[in-house]
Amino acid sequence: MTATAPLLQAEGLVKSFAVSAGPFARARRVRAVDEVGLRLERGRTLAIVGESGCGKSTLGNVLLRLQDPDSGTLALDGEDVLRLDRTGLRRFRRRVQVVFQDPYASLDPRERIRDVLVRPMLLHGLCDQPAALRRAAELMERVGLSASQLDRLPHQFSGGQRQRIAIARALSVQPDLIVCDEPVSALDVSVQAQIINLLQDLQRDTGVALLFISHDLAVVRHLSHDVMVMYAGRVVETAPVRLLFERPSHPYTRALLAAVPRIELGARHHALLAGEPPDPARPEPGCRFAGRCPHRRPACTEGAVPPLRPVAAGHLSACHFAETLSPVAASSGIPEETATARRITAYRRARDAARPERAS
């Protein structure tokens, strides 16, 4: 490992599944993840966005080693994750944790919260039982709950509280990376603001890296450092968050931004997408997005899939004509002060204002 090695790095990841059209039809292979690469530094947040079925959750499962890729490389701190033996994989499981989408399904309904938090620490040999109980109490306080609630069962908590417990469980083994798979999509908007602020505070205090899988671009803009856009199993654009939202270079990214609801009077939109994503079992030649692209040209449907290439410093796009597309109008992107951002900021201010009262 070198001093400049990223925490997590993947190259050329492919994950396919066999799909049969019927009892007498020959099974076909569908590439849910197709030649995907990424790089995530310590203490930073990389968001993966795209419409349903684009492969972002499958990619998360591959990065977690919940599913093994067909090909490609995956390294954590320069160590080949795909070649780990049982001992190495156990060590990897401690360093890379996950917070799932559904806070009601991710906790065992028969298990008390003290066991949810204590068992991972004991399994990984981080401390003994008394020390684990003390740390469990500290974690409950850290995520905004009370140590007195450790003896409760999951059904005695709300959805937002369960998601806080899931975050505490992920933190219990002191990971370097947490994969958050749609962690706020099942929660109401006020609770979303609380969870987003909690994740930001935890990252600031612990230095943990976050891989944030989401379809909510307003949340992504507020939380992330870098963004990766996926379409039909492939990465079509990646950039620092501000650059991607202010100067999206791929037509699909522009369409995603155009689809975000707005409440501002006079807000202008790009034309919304028509049609459906391509059949993943029978992809057409050329760009996967060509069938729905308003800027399609003959070169888009010929030859191989366009590769990611730089269009600016740190900004990659898989579009042949990224440099020649007309600039995005200033009113067409997501405003930095969206309703979501205002809710998050308002909650943070109210929480910070209340802290001295609690301390006194």
Protein backbone atom coordinates (compact mmCIF):
# COMPACT_ATOMS: atom_id res chain seq x y z
CA MET A 1 0.00 0.00 0.00
CA THR A 2 1.22 3.51 -0.83
CA ALA A 3 0.49 6.76 0.97
CA THR A 4 -1.74 7.86 -1.92
CA ALA A 5 -3.73 4.64 -2.21
CA PRO A 6 -7.50 5.21 -1.89
CA LEU A 7 -9.46 3.47 0.82
CA LEU A 8 -11.60 1.61 -1.74
CA GLN A 9 -10.82 1.11 -5.41
CA ALA A 10 -12.60 -0.98 -8.04
CA GLU A 11 -11.80 -1.52 -11.71
CA GLY A 12 -13.83 -3.27 -14.41
CA LEU A 13 -16.40 -4.88 -12.09
CA VAL A 14 -18.92 -7.09 -13.92
CA LYS A 15 -21.87 -8.85 -12.32
CA SER A 16 -24.37 -10.77 -14.45
CA PHE A 17 -27.38 -12.97 -13.75
CA ALA A 18 -28.98 -15.76 -15.73
CA VAL A 19 -32.51 -14.92 -16.89
CA SER A 20 -34.82 -17.41 -18.60
CA ALA A 21 -37.76 -16.37 -20.79
CA GLY A 22 -39.59 -19.66 -20.21
CA PRO A 23 -39.21 -23.38 -19.48
CA PHE A 24 -37.98 -24.16 -22.99
CA ALA A 25 -36.08 -20.97 -23.68
CA ARG A 26 -32.35 -20.72 -23.37
CA ALA A 27 -31.20 -18.68 -20.37
CA ARG A 28 -29.54 -15.37 -21.15
CA ARG A 29 -27.01 -13.43 -19.12
CA VAL A 30 -28.00 -9.95 -17.97
CA ARG A 31 -25.21 -7.61 -16.90
CA ALA A 32 -26.52 -5.70 -13.90
CA VAL A 33 -23.05 -4.18 -13.37
CA ASP A 34 -20.98 -3.68 -16.51
CA GLU A 35 -17.31 -2.65 -16.35
CA VAL A 36 -17.71 -0.34 -13.36
CA GLY A 37 -14.80 1.34 -11.63
CA LEU A 38 -14.67 3.74 -8.70
CA ARG A 39 -12.31 5.34 -6.22
CA LEU A 40 -13.22 6.42 -2.67
CA GLU A 41 -10.85 8.28 -0.35
CA ARG A 42 -10.87 8.15 3.45
CA GLY A 43 -13.31 10.49 5.16
CA ARG A 44 -15.22 11.31 1.98
CA THR A 45 -18.68 10.49 0.68
CA LEU A 46 -19.25 9.06 -2.79
CA ALA A 47 -22.88 9.03 -3.95
CA ILE A 48 -24.11 6.55 -6.56
CA VAL A 49 -27.27 7.73 -8.31
CA GLY A 50 -29.52 6.56 -11.12
CA GLU A 51 -33.06 5.41 -11.79
CA SER A 52 -34.43 2.10 -10.50
CA GLY A 53 -32.81 -0.89 -12.18
CA CYS A 54 -29.58 0.89 -13.12
CA GLY A 55 -27.48 -1.50 -11.01
CA LYS A 56 -26.49 0.73 -8.10
CA SER A 57 -27.72 -1.62 -5.34
CA THR A 58 -26.15 -4.63 -7.08
CA LEU A 59 -22.89 -2.69 -7.21
CA GLY A 60 -23.22 -2.05 -3.48
CA ASN A 61 -23.66 -5.78 -2.84
CA VAL A 62 -20.55 -6.53 -4.89
CA LEU A 63 -18.51 -3.95 -3.00
CA LEU A 64 -19.67 -5.53 0.26
CA ARG A 65 -18.79 -9.03 -1.00
CA LEU A 66 -22.42 -10.06 -0.47
CA GLN A 67 -22.23 -11.07 -4.14
CA ASP A 68 -19.04 -11.96 -5.97
CA PRO A 69 -18.36 -10.27 -9.33
CA ASP A 70 -17.85 -12.23 -12.54
CA SER A 71 -14.69 -10.26 -13.24
CA GLY A 72 -12.86 -7.11 -12.23
CA THR A 73 -10.75 -6.03 -9.28
CA LEU A 74 -11.65 -4.69 -5.83
CA ALA A 75 -9.13 -3.43 -3.30
CA LEU A 76 -9.40 -2.05 0.24
CA ASP A 77 -6.31 -0.11 1.28
CA GLY A 78 -4.50 -1.73 -1.63
CA GLU A 79 -5.38 -5.30 -0.53
CA ASP A 80 -7.17 -7.52 -3.07
CA VAL A 81 -10.58 -8.13 -1.50
CA LEU A 82 -11.57 -10.83 -4.00
CA ARG A 83 -8.68 -13.10 -2.95
CA LEU A 84 -9.18 -12.93 0.81
CA ASP A 85 -9.23 -16.15 2.82
CA ARG A 86 -11.70 -16.68 5.67
CA THR A 87 -9.59 -14.72 8.17
CA GLY A 88 -9.06 -11.86 5.73
CA LEU A 89 -12.74 -11.76 4.82
CA ARG A 90 -13.67 -11.57 8.51
CA ARG A 91 -11.34 -8.62 8.88
CA PHE A 92 -12.92 -7.02 5.79
CA ARG A 93 -16.41 -7.48 7.27
CA ARG A 94 -15.39 -5.46 10.29
CA ARG A 95 -13.88 -2.64 8.25
CA VAL A 96 -16.78 -2.32 5.77
CA GLN A 97 -20.28 -2.08 7.24
CA VAL A 98 -23.72 -1.44 5.75
CA VAL A 99 -26.93 0.43 6.57
CA PHE A 100 -29.83 -1.03 4.60
CA GLN A 101 -32.85 0.77 3.17
CA ASP A 102 -35.62 -0.76 5.27
CA PRO A 103 -35.21 -0.03 9.01
CA TYR A 104 -38.05 -2.47 9.77
CA ALA A 105 -36.44 -5.47 8.06
CA SER A 106 -32.79 -4.89 8.97
CA LEU A 107 -33.21 -5.67 12.69
CA ASP A 108 -34.16 -9.05 14.17
CA PRO A 109 -37.57 -8.47 15.83
CA ARG A 110 -36.73 -11.01 18.59
CA GLU A 111 -33.37 -9.51 19.54
CA ARG A 112 -32.98 -6.78 22.15
CA ILE A 113 -31.02 -3.71 21.13
CA ARG A 114 -28.22 -4.44 23.60
CA ASP A 115 -27.55 -7.71 21.74
CA VAL A 116 -27.78 -5.96 18.35
CA LEU A 117 -24.93 -3.66 19.39
CA VAL A 118 -22.87 -5.92 21.66
CA ARG A 119 -22.71 -9.10 19.54
CA PRO A 120 -20.67 -7.59 16.65
CA MET A 121 -18.02 -6.32 19.06
CA LEU A 122 -17.73 -9.73 20.71
CA LEU A 123 -17.67 -11.63 17.41
CA HIS A 124 -14.77 -9.52 16.16
CA GLY A 125 -12.92 -9.71 19.48
CA LEU A 126 -12.80 -5.96 19.98
CA CYS A 127 -13.52 -6.05 23.72
CA ASP A 128 -15.01 -8.11 26.52
CA GLN A 129 -18.66 -8.15 27.59
CA PRO A 130 -18.53 -5.29 30.17
CA ALA A 131 -16.62 -3.02 27.79
CA ALA A 132 -19.00 -3.88 24.95
CA LEU A 133 -21.99 -2.93 27.11
CA ARG A 134 -20.38 0.39 27.97
CA ARG A 135 -19.67 1.11 24.32
CA ALA A 136 -23.24 0.13 23.38
CA ALA A 137 -24.55 2.71 25.85
CA GLU A 138 -22.20 5.32 24.39
CA LEU A 139 -23.33 4.51 20.84
CA MET A 140 -26.98 4.91 21.77
CA GLU A 141 -26.25 8.37 23.12
CA ARG A 142 -24.08 9.15 20.08
CA VAL A 143 -26.94 8.52 17.64
CA GLY A 144 -29.44 10.52 19.66
CA LEU A 145 -31.10 7.74 21.66
CA SER A 146 -30.85 6.78 25.33
CA ALA A 147 -28.83 4.05 26.99
CA SER A 148 -31.97 3.23 28.99
CA GLN A 149 -33.51 1.91 25.75
CA LEU A 150 -30.98 -0.92 25.33
CA ASP A 151 -33.36 -3.53 26.74
CA ARG A 152 -36.14 -2.72 24.28
CA LEU A 153 -37.11 -4.71 21.20
CA PRO A 154 -37.13 -3.20 17.68
CA HIS A 155 -40.94 -2.92 17.49
CA GLN A 156 -40.80 -0.40 20.34
CA PHE A 157 -38.98 2.13 18.12
CA SER A 158 -40.09 4.31 15.22
CA GLY A 159 -38.61 3.97 11.73
CA GLY A 160 -36.17 6.83 12.27
CA GLN A 161 -35.08 5.41 15.61
CA ARG A 162 -34.51 1.98 14.04
CA GLN A 163 -32.34 3.53 11.38
CA ARG A 164 -30.31 5.25 14.10
CA ILE A 165 -29.86 1.84 15.75
CA ALA A 166 -28.72 0.40 12.41
CA ILE A 167 -26.14 3.20 12.16
CA ALA A 168 -25.01 2.52 15.73
CA ARG A 169 -24.63 -1.17 14.88
CA ALA A 170 -22.47 -0.27 11.87
CA LEU A 171 -20.31 2.00 14.03
CA SER A 172 -19.94 -0.57 16.82
CA VAL A 173 -17.00 -2.32 15.13
CA GLN A 174 -15.20 0.94 14.23
CA PRO A 175 -15.37 0.56 10.43
CA ASP A 176 -13.43 2.52 7.82
CA LEU A 177 -16.34 2.52 5.36
CA ILE A 178 -20.14 2.37 5.63
CA VAL A 179 -22.23 1.52 2.58
CA CYS A 180 -25.59 3.31 2.92
CA ASP A 181 -28.13 1.75 0.55
CA GLU A 182 -31.05 4.21 0.30
CA PRO A 183 -30.89 4.79 4.07
CA VAL A 184 -33.52 7.58 4.18
CA SER A 185 -35.92 6.69 1.36
CA ALA A 186 -38.31 4.82 3.69
CA LEU A 187 -38.46 7.69 6.20
CA ASP A 188 -40.58 10.82 6.29
CA VAL A 189 -38.96 14.12 5.36
CA SER A 190 -38.36 15.45 8.88
CA VAL A 191 -36.65 12.21 9.94
CA GLN A 192 -34.59 12.24 6.74
CA ALA A 193 -33.07 15.56 7.83
CA GLN A 194 -32.14 14.08 11.22
CA ILE A 195 -30.45 11.01 9.69
CA ILE A 196 -28.52 13.07 7.11
CA ASN A 197 -27.23 15.40 9.83
CA LEU A 198 -26.30 12.39 11.95
CA LEU A 199 -24.26 10.85 9.13
CA GLN A 200 -22.44 14.12 8.52
CA ASP A 201 -21.63 14.53 12.21
CA LEU A 202 -20.38 10.96 12.48
CA GLN A 203 -18.17 11.36 9.43
CA ARG A 204 -16.70 14.58 10.83
CA ASP A 205 -16.03 13.02 14.24
CA THR A 206 -14.81 9.55 13.20
CA GLY A 207 -13.39 10.05 9.69
CA VAL A 208 -15.46 7.16 8.31
CA ALA A 209 -15.96 7.07 4.53
CA LEU A 210 -19.50 6.74 3.16
CA LEU A 211 -20.75 5.13 -0.04
CA PHE A 212 -24.23 6.64 -0.37
CA ILE A 213 -26.63 4.92 -2.78
CA SER A 214 -29.64 7.12 -3.44
CA HIS A 215 -32.17 8.44 -5.95
CA ASP A 216 -32.78 11.69 -4.03
CA LEU A 217 -30.52 14.20 -5.76
CA ALA A 218 -31.30 16.98 -3.31
CA VAL A 219 -29.99 14.83 -0.44
CA VAL A 220 -26.99 13.79 -2.55
CA ARG A 221 -26.07 17.40 -3.20
CA HIS A 222 -26.19 18.23 0.49
CA LEU A 223 -24.30 15.16 1.78
CA SER A 224 -21.76 14.04 -0.83
CA HIS A 225 -18.30 15.06 -1.93
CA ASP A 226 -18.35 13.16 -5.24
CA VAL A 227 -21.12 11.69 -7.40
CA MET A 228 -21.19 8.73 -9.79
CA VAL A 229 -24.14 8.41 -12.20
CA MET A 230 -25.15 4.94 -13.45
CA TYR A 231 -27.37 3.99 -16.36
CA ALA A 232 -28.18 0.43 -17.52
CA GLY A 233 -25.35 -1.04 -15.45
CA ARG A 234 -22.65 1.37 -16.59
CA VAL A 235 -21.13 4.55 -15.20
CA VAL A 236 -21.99 7.47 -17.50
CA GLU A 237 -20.61 10.38 -15.48
CA THR A 238 -18.58 11.05 -12.34
CA ALA A 239 -17.47 14.35 -10.84
CA PRO A 240 -17.15 16.37 -7.63
CA VAL A 241 -20.64 17.19 -6.42
CA ARG A 242 -20.63 20.92 -7.17
CA LEU A 243 -19.19 20.45 -10.65
CA LEU A 244 -21.69 17.74 -11.55
CA PHE A 245 -24.71 19.73 -10.41
CA GLU A 246 -23.60 22.99 -11.98
CA ARG A 247 -22.17 21.61 -15.25
CA PRO A 248 -23.59 18.14 -16.00
CA SER A 249 -22.02 16.89 -19.23
CA HIS A 250 -23.99 13.71 -19.97
CA PRO A 251 -27.56 13.94 -21.34
CA TYR A 252 -28.77 11.35 -18.83
CA THR A 253 -27.42 13.33 -15.88
CA ARG A 254 -29.19 16.41 -17.26
CA ALA A 255 -32.42 14.42 -17.52
CA LEU A 256 -32.11 13.30 -13.87
CA LEU A 257 -31.65 16.89 -12.75
CA ALA A 258 -34.60 18.00 -14.87
CA ALA A 259 -36.86 15.43 -13.20
CA VAL A 260 -36.36 16.83 -9.69
CA PRO A 261 -39.58 18.55 -8.50
CA ARG A 262 -39.34 22.31 -7.99
CA ILE A 263 -41.51 24.80 -6.19
CA GLU A 264 -39.88 27.98 -7.51
CA LEU A 265 -42.08 30.11 -9.75
CA GLY A 266 -40.83 30.32 -13.30
CA ALA A 267 -38.35 27.45 -12.95
CA ARG A 268 -37.37 26.10 -16.36
CA HIS A 269 -36.87 22.43 -17.19
CA HIS A 270 -35.14 20.35 -19.81
CA ALA A 271 -37.39 18.03 -21.76
CA LEU A 272 -38.11 14.99 -19.60
CA LEU A 273 -37.12 11.53 -20.80
CA ALA A 274 -39.42 9.38 -22.86
CA GLY A 275 -39.19 5.63 -23.36
CA GLU A 276 -37.63 2.91 -21.23
CA PRO A 277 -34.07 1.76 -20.54
CA PRO A 278 -32.71 -0.80 -23.03
CA ASP A 279 -33.22 -4.53 -22.61
CA PRO A 280 -30.21 -5.52 -20.47
CA ALA A 281 -30.19 -9.00 -22.02
CA ARG A 282 -29.98 -7.58 -25.56
CA PRO A 283 -28.15 -4.25 -25.46
CA GLU A 284 -27.98 -2.32 -28.69
CA PRO A 285 -24.59 -1.32 -30.19
CA GLY A 286 -23.13 1.97 -29.13
CA CYS A 287 -24.31 4.18 -26.28
CA ARG A 288 -26.87 2.53 -23.97
CA PHE A 289 -28.66 5.85 -23.59
CA ALA A 290 -28.94 6.58 -27.33
CA GLY A 291 -32.55 5.35 -27.65
CA ARG A 292 -33.77 8.01 -25.21
CA CYS A 293 -31.25 10.78 -25.82
CA PRO A 294 -32.54 14.09 -27.26
CA HIS A 295 -29.01 14.79 -28.61
CA ARG A 296 -28.60 11.44 -30.42
CA ARG A 297 -26.43 11.42 -33.54
CA PRO A 298 -25.47 8.56 -35.90
CA ALA A 299 -22.15 8.00 -34.13
CA CYS A 300 -24.02 7.22 -30.89
CA THR A 301 -25.46 3.96 -32.24
CA GLU A 302 -22.33 2.72 -33.95
CA GLY A 303 -19.40 0.77 -32.54
CA ALA A 304 -18.67 0.18 -28.87
CA VAL A 305 -20.08 1.78 -25.78
CA PRO A 306 -18.43 5.20 -25.32
CA PRO A 307 -15.83 5.05 -22.54
CA LEU A 308 -15.52 7.45 -19.63
CA ARG A 309 -13.16 10.26 -20.57
CA PRO A 310 -12.16 13.54 -18.94
CA VAL A 311 -14.11 16.68 -19.83
CA ALA A 312 -12.62 18.77 -17.00
CA ALA A 313 -10.35 18.23 -14.02
CA GLY A 314 -11.83 15.36 -12.00
CA HIS A 315 -14.89 15.24 -14.29
CA LEU A 316 -15.45 12.16 -16.48
CA SER A 317 -18.27 11.60 -18.97
CA ALA A 318 -19.23 8.70 -21.26
CA CYS A 319 -20.66 10.88 -24.04
CA HIS A 320 -19.08 11.38 -27.48
CA PHE A 321 -20.32 14.97 -27.60
CA ALA A 322 -20.02 16.09 -23.97
CA GLU A 323 -17.96 19.16 -24.89
CA THR A 324 -20.31 20.33 -27.66
CA LEU A 325 -23.64 20.13 -25.81
CA SER A 326 -25.20 23.47 -25.00
CA PRO A 327 -24.51 24.73 -21.46
CA VAL A 328 -27.12 24.02 -18.82
CA ALA A 329 -29.27 27.03 -17.96
CA ALA A 330 -28.66 28.32 -14.47
CA SER A 331 -32.32 27.80 -13.51
CA SER A 332 -32.44 24.20 -14.71
CA GLY A 333 -30.16 22.61 -12.12
CA ILE A 334 -31.08 21.76 -8.55
CA PRO A 335 -30.81 24.92 -6.44
CA GLU A 336 -28.31 24.62 -3.64
CA GLU A 337 -30.95 25.80 -1.15
CA THR A 338 -33.63 23.24 -1.95
CA ALA A 339 -36.53 22.45 0.33
CA THR A 340 -34.62 19.35 1.45
CA ALA A 341 -31.50 21.38 2.22
CA ARG A 342 -33.57 23.93 4.15
CA ARG A 343 -35.12 21.16 6.26
CA ILE A 344 -31.69 19.70 7.02
CA THR A 345 -30.25 23.10 7.93
CA ALA A 346 -33.27 24.07 10.04
CA TYR A 347 -33.09 20.82 11.99
CA ARG A 348 -29.36 21.26 12.61
CA ARG A 349 -29.84 24.81 13.90
CA ALA A 350 -32.72 23.81 16.19
CA ARG A 351 -30.70 20.87 17.54
CA ASP A 352 -27.60 22.97 18.16
CA ALA A 353 -29.66 25.67 19.87
CA ALA A 354 -31.17 23.09 22.23
CA ARG A 355 -27.83 21.59 23.32
CA PRO A 356 -26.96 24.20 26.00
CA GLU A 357 -30.39 23.73 27.57
CA ARG A 358 -29.87 19.98 27.83
CA ALA A 359 -26.38 20.48 29.27
CA SER A 360 -27.71 22.84 31.94
